[in-house]
Amino acid sequence: MAFGSHNTSFGLGNTQLAVTTTTSAAPPQFSAAHELAQQATHVGCQLPGRRTDQPTDRVPGERMTYTNIIKPPTTDIIAPPTTGRPKAIGFVRGDVSGLHAPRHANEVQRHARTLGYQYVYTVRPSADERDPIRYALGMAAGLGVEIIVVFDLAHVDNQPALICDAGYDLETVSPQCTWARSASGIGIGAA
């Protein structure tokens, strides 16, 4: 049996299907779908896309590879565009939240999205981080966000000014409150 390869490509609407047929000398190994197709052909059933009266040019032992290439839509129909919405990160400290940290992280993310922010990331500093607030401010500056969302003020040592004086708005989930950035000449993300 000869070795070889044959490529075929055809399209239908926004979908393009590429078929690569490779011939090898390996013994034929047929899948369950192939066995069903063979049985349907032998009893005269009509398979979608194939007429039973057409001869097949498939050689036993030949392997076929199907690659389905789907072109993406021109617009994102799943999520609304994110331009124009302020970016936010969540900040959850494990030493403050304890066993509730996963729930607090979910609540922070939900709260930010409910308020219409573009949620970027949840900052969860490790337990051995010496200054977790400074760590979160560094992440906020690196990601270019405007808002930091926390579960409660305990995550910022009950001092919202630590975040607001650095040029960020602070949102708390419990109680729901917004702490605006300081009115000084400090720009967004100037940590």
Protein backbone atom coordinates (compact mmCIF):
# COMPACT_ATOMS: atom_id res chain seq x y z
CA MET A 1 0.00 0.00 0.00
CA ALA A 2 1.33 3.42 -0.90
CA PHE A 3 1.94 6.28 1.49
CA GLY A 4 0.41 9.59 0.59
CA SER A 5 -1.70 12.53 1.58
CA HIS A 6 -4.56 14.42 -0.02
CA ASN A 7 -6.01 17.73 1.22
CA THR A 8 -9.51 18.94 0.42
CA SER A 9 -11.12 22.15 1.63
CA PHE A 10 -14.65 23.42 1.13
CA GLY A 11 -16.87 26.00 2.80
CA LEU A 12 -20.49 26.43 3.75
CA GLY A 13 -21.59 29.87 5.00
CA ASN A 14 -19.24 30.99 7.77
CA THR A 15 -17.87 27.47 8.32
CA GLN A 16 -14.95 26.01 6.46
CA LEU A 17 -14.20 22.30 6.62
CA ALA A 18 -10.77 20.96 5.79
CA VAL A 19 -10.32 17.24 5.19
CA THR A 20 -6.91 15.64 5.13
CA THR A 21 -6.71 12.04 3.94
CA THR A 22 -3.55 10.16 4.83
CA THR A 23 -2.78 6.70 3.52
CA SER A 24 -0.67 4.37 5.61
CA ALA A 25 0.27 0.72 5.56
CA ALA A 26 -1.19 0.19 9.05
CA PRO A 27 -3.92 -2.41 9.40
CA PRO A 28 -7.42 -0.94 9.13
CA GLN A 29 -8.95 0.17 12.42
CA PHE A 30 -12.51 1.33 11.98
CA SER A 31 -14.45 3.39 14.46
CA ALA A 32 -17.99 2.63 15.58
CA ALA A 33 -19.26 5.47 13.38
CA HIS A 34 -17.52 3.95 10.36
CA GLU A 35 -19.03 0.54 11.12
CA LEU A 36 -22.51 2.11 11.33
CA ALA A 37 -21.92 3.91 8.03
CA GLN A 38 -20.87 0.66 6.39
CA GLN A 39 -23.95 -1.13 7.74
CA ALA A 40 -26.22 1.70 6.59
CA THR A 41 -24.66 1.58 3.13
CA HIS A 42 -25.13 -2.16 2.88
CA VAL A 43 -28.82 -2.04 3.83
CA GLY A 44 -29.51 0.93 1.54
CA CYS A 45 -29.99 3.72 4.13
CA GLN A 46 -29.41 7.34 3.18
CA LEU A 47 -26.69 9.05 5.25
CA PRO A 48 -26.59 12.87 5.52
CA GLY A 49 -24.28 14.32 2.90
CA ARG A 50 -23.63 10.98 1.17
CA ARG A 51 -25.55 9.14 -1.49
CA THR A 52 -25.46 5.37 -1.26
CA ASP A 53 -25.33 4.92 -5.02
CA GLN A 54 -21.99 6.76 -5.28
CA PRO A 55 -18.86 4.67 -5.14
CA THR A 56 -16.44 5.45 -2.34
CA ASP A 57 -12.78 6.02 -3.11
CA ARG A 58 -11.68 5.27 0.45
CA VAL A 59 -9.04 2.57 0.67
CA PRO A 60 -9.10 0.19 3.69
CA GLY A 61 -6.34 1.16 6.09
CA GLU A 62 -6.62 4.81 5.15
CA ARG A 63 -6.92 7.32 8.00
CA MET A 64 -8.95 10.52 7.69
CA THR A 65 -8.48 13.64 9.76
CA TYR A 66 -11.21 16.27 9.94
CA THR A 67 -10.42 19.81 10.96
CA ASN A 68 -13.33 22.16 11.44
CA ILE A 69 -12.29 25.80 11.09
CA ILE A 70 -14.98 28.21 12.23
CA LYS A 71 -14.55 31.86 11.45
CA PRO A 72 -15.49 34.07 14.42
CA PRO A 73 -18.39 36.51 14.04
CA THR A 74 -17.51 40.09 13.18
CA THR A 75 -18.97 41.31 16.50
CA ASP A 76 -19.00 39.73 19.94
CA ILE A 77 -22.60 38.67 20.47
CA ILE A 78 -21.96 37.09 23.88
CA ALA A 79 -20.45 39.93 25.90
CA PRO A 80 -21.07 43.64 25.51
CA PRO A 81 -18.12 45.80 24.49
CA THR A 82 -15.91 46.72 27.42
CA THR A 83 -14.77 50.10 26.19
CA GLY A 84 -15.88 53.04 28.27
CA ARG A 85 -16.42 51.06 31.46
CA PRO A 86 -14.01 51.72 34.35
CA LYS A 87 -11.69 48.85 35.23
CA ALA A 88 -11.78 47.29 38.69
CA ILE A 89 -9.87 44.67 40.64
CA GLY A 90 -10.95 42.76 43.71
CA PHE A 91 -8.80 42.54 46.82
CA VAL A 92 -9.31 39.64 49.23
CA ARG A 93 -6.93 38.99 52.11
CA GLY A 94 -6.76 35.44 53.38
CA ASP A 95 -5.68 36.56 56.84
CA VAL A 96 -8.86 38.68 57.12
CA SER A 97 -11.40 36.45 55.32
CA GLY A 98 -10.10 33.14 56.64
CA LEU A 99 -12.22 30.21 55.46
CA HIS A 100 -14.66 32.65 53.82
CA ALA A 101 -12.04 33.85 51.29
CA PRO A 102 -13.53 31.97 48.27
CA ARG A 103 -17.01 33.29 49.04
CA HIS A 104 -15.68 36.80 49.58
CA ALA A 105 -13.83 36.65 46.25
CA ASN A 106 -17.07 35.66 44.47
CA GLU A 107 -19.03 38.41 46.22
CA VAL A 108 -16.40 41.02 45.31
CA GLN A 109 -16.45 39.99 41.65
CA ARG A 110 -20.28 39.92 41.55
CA HIS A 111 -20.49 43.35 43.22
CA ALA A 112 -18.06 44.92 40.74
CA ARG A 113 -19.90 43.51 37.74
CA THR A 114 -23.28 44.51 39.17
CA LEU A 115 -22.04 48.09 39.37
CA GLY A 116 -21.01 47.92 35.70
CA TYR A 117 -17.25 47.82 36.14
CA GLN A 118 -14.96 45.87 33.83
CA TYR A 119 -13.66 43.32 36.32
CA VAL A 120 -10.02 42.53 35.60
CA TYR A 121 -8.56 40.40 38.39
CA THR A 122 -8.88 39.27 42.01
CA VAL A 123 -5.78 40.04 44.06
CA ARG A 124 -5.21 37.46 46.79
CA PRO A 125 -1.80 38.05 48.35
CA SER A 126 -0.04 35.10 49.95
CA ALA A 127 -0.11 34.72 53.72
CA ASP A 128 3.57 35.64 54.02
CA GLU A 129 3.16 38.99 52.21
CA ARG A 130 4.48 41.68 54.58
CA ASP A 131 2.33 44.54 53.22
CA PRO A 132 -0.74 43.15 51.40
CA ILE A 133 -2.28 46.59 50.84
CA ARG A 134 0.86 47.88 49.10
CA TYR A 135 0.87 44.63 47.08
CA ALA A 136 -2.72 45.28 45.92
CA LEU A 137 -1.87 48.89 45.05
CA GLY A 138 1.06 47.69 42.94
CA MET A 139 -1.19 45.26 41.08
CA ALA A 140 -3.77 48.00 40.53
CA ALA A 141 -1.13 50.32 39.09
CA GLY A 142 0.22 47.57 36.82
CA LEU A 143 -3.25 46.70 35.51
CA GLY A 144 -4.32 50.33 35.05
CA VAL A 145 -7.52 50.07 37.07
CA GLU A 146 -9.54 52.87 38.66
CA ILE A 147 -11.45 50.98 41.35
CA ILE A 148 -10.46 48.49 44.04
CA VAL A 149 -13.31 46.38 45.42
CA VAL A 150 -13.07 44.72 48.86
CA PHE A 151 -15.54 42.71 50.88
CA ASP A 152 -15.32 45.00 53.91
CA LEU A 153 -13.05 47.68 55.37
CA ALA A 154 -11.09 45.12 57.40
CA HIS A 155 -9.28 44.22 54.16
CA VAL A 156 -7.76 47.73 54.11
CA ASP A 157 -7.15 47.82 57.88
CA ASN A 158 -10.29 49.96 58.36
CA GLN A 159 -8.50 52.84 56.61
CA PRO A 160 -10.08 53.61 53.22
CA ALA A 161 -7.70 56.56 52.90
CA LEU A 162 -4.86 54.09 52.20
CA ILE A 163 -6.55 53.30 48.88
CA CYS A 164 -8.16 56.67 48.12
CA ASP A 165 -4.97 58.69 48.73
CA ALA A 166 -3.18 56.44 46.22
CA GLY A 167 -5.60 57.59 43.49
CA TYR A 168 -8.22 54.81 43.45
CA ASP A 169 -11.90 54.60 44.32
CA LEU A 170 -12.71 51.98 46.94
CA GLU A 171 -15.90 49.91 46.83
CA THR A 172 -17.02 47.76 49.75
CA VAL A 173 -19.49 44.88 49.44
CA SER A 174 -20.54 44.87 53.09
CA PRO A 175 -21.80 47.48 53.74
CA GLN A 176 -22.27 48.64 50.16
CA CYS A 177 -20.36 51.87 50.02
CA THR A 178 -18.15 53.88 47.67
CA TRP A 179 -15.10 55.72 48.93
CA ALA A 180 -13.98 58.27 46.31
CA ARG A 181 -10.35 58.91 45.52
CA SER A 182 -8.78 61.93 47.12
CA ALA A 183 -9.22 65.30 45.41
CA SER A 184 -5.49 66.01 45.44
CA GLY A 185 -3.47 66.27 42.27
CA ILE A 186 -2.64 62.56 42.30
CA GLY A 187 -3.70 60.80 39.09
CA ILE A 188 -5.25 57.38 38.70
CA GLY A 189 -2.87 54.61 39.57
CA ALA A 190 -0.16 56.89 40.96
CA ALA A 191 0.91 54.51 43.71
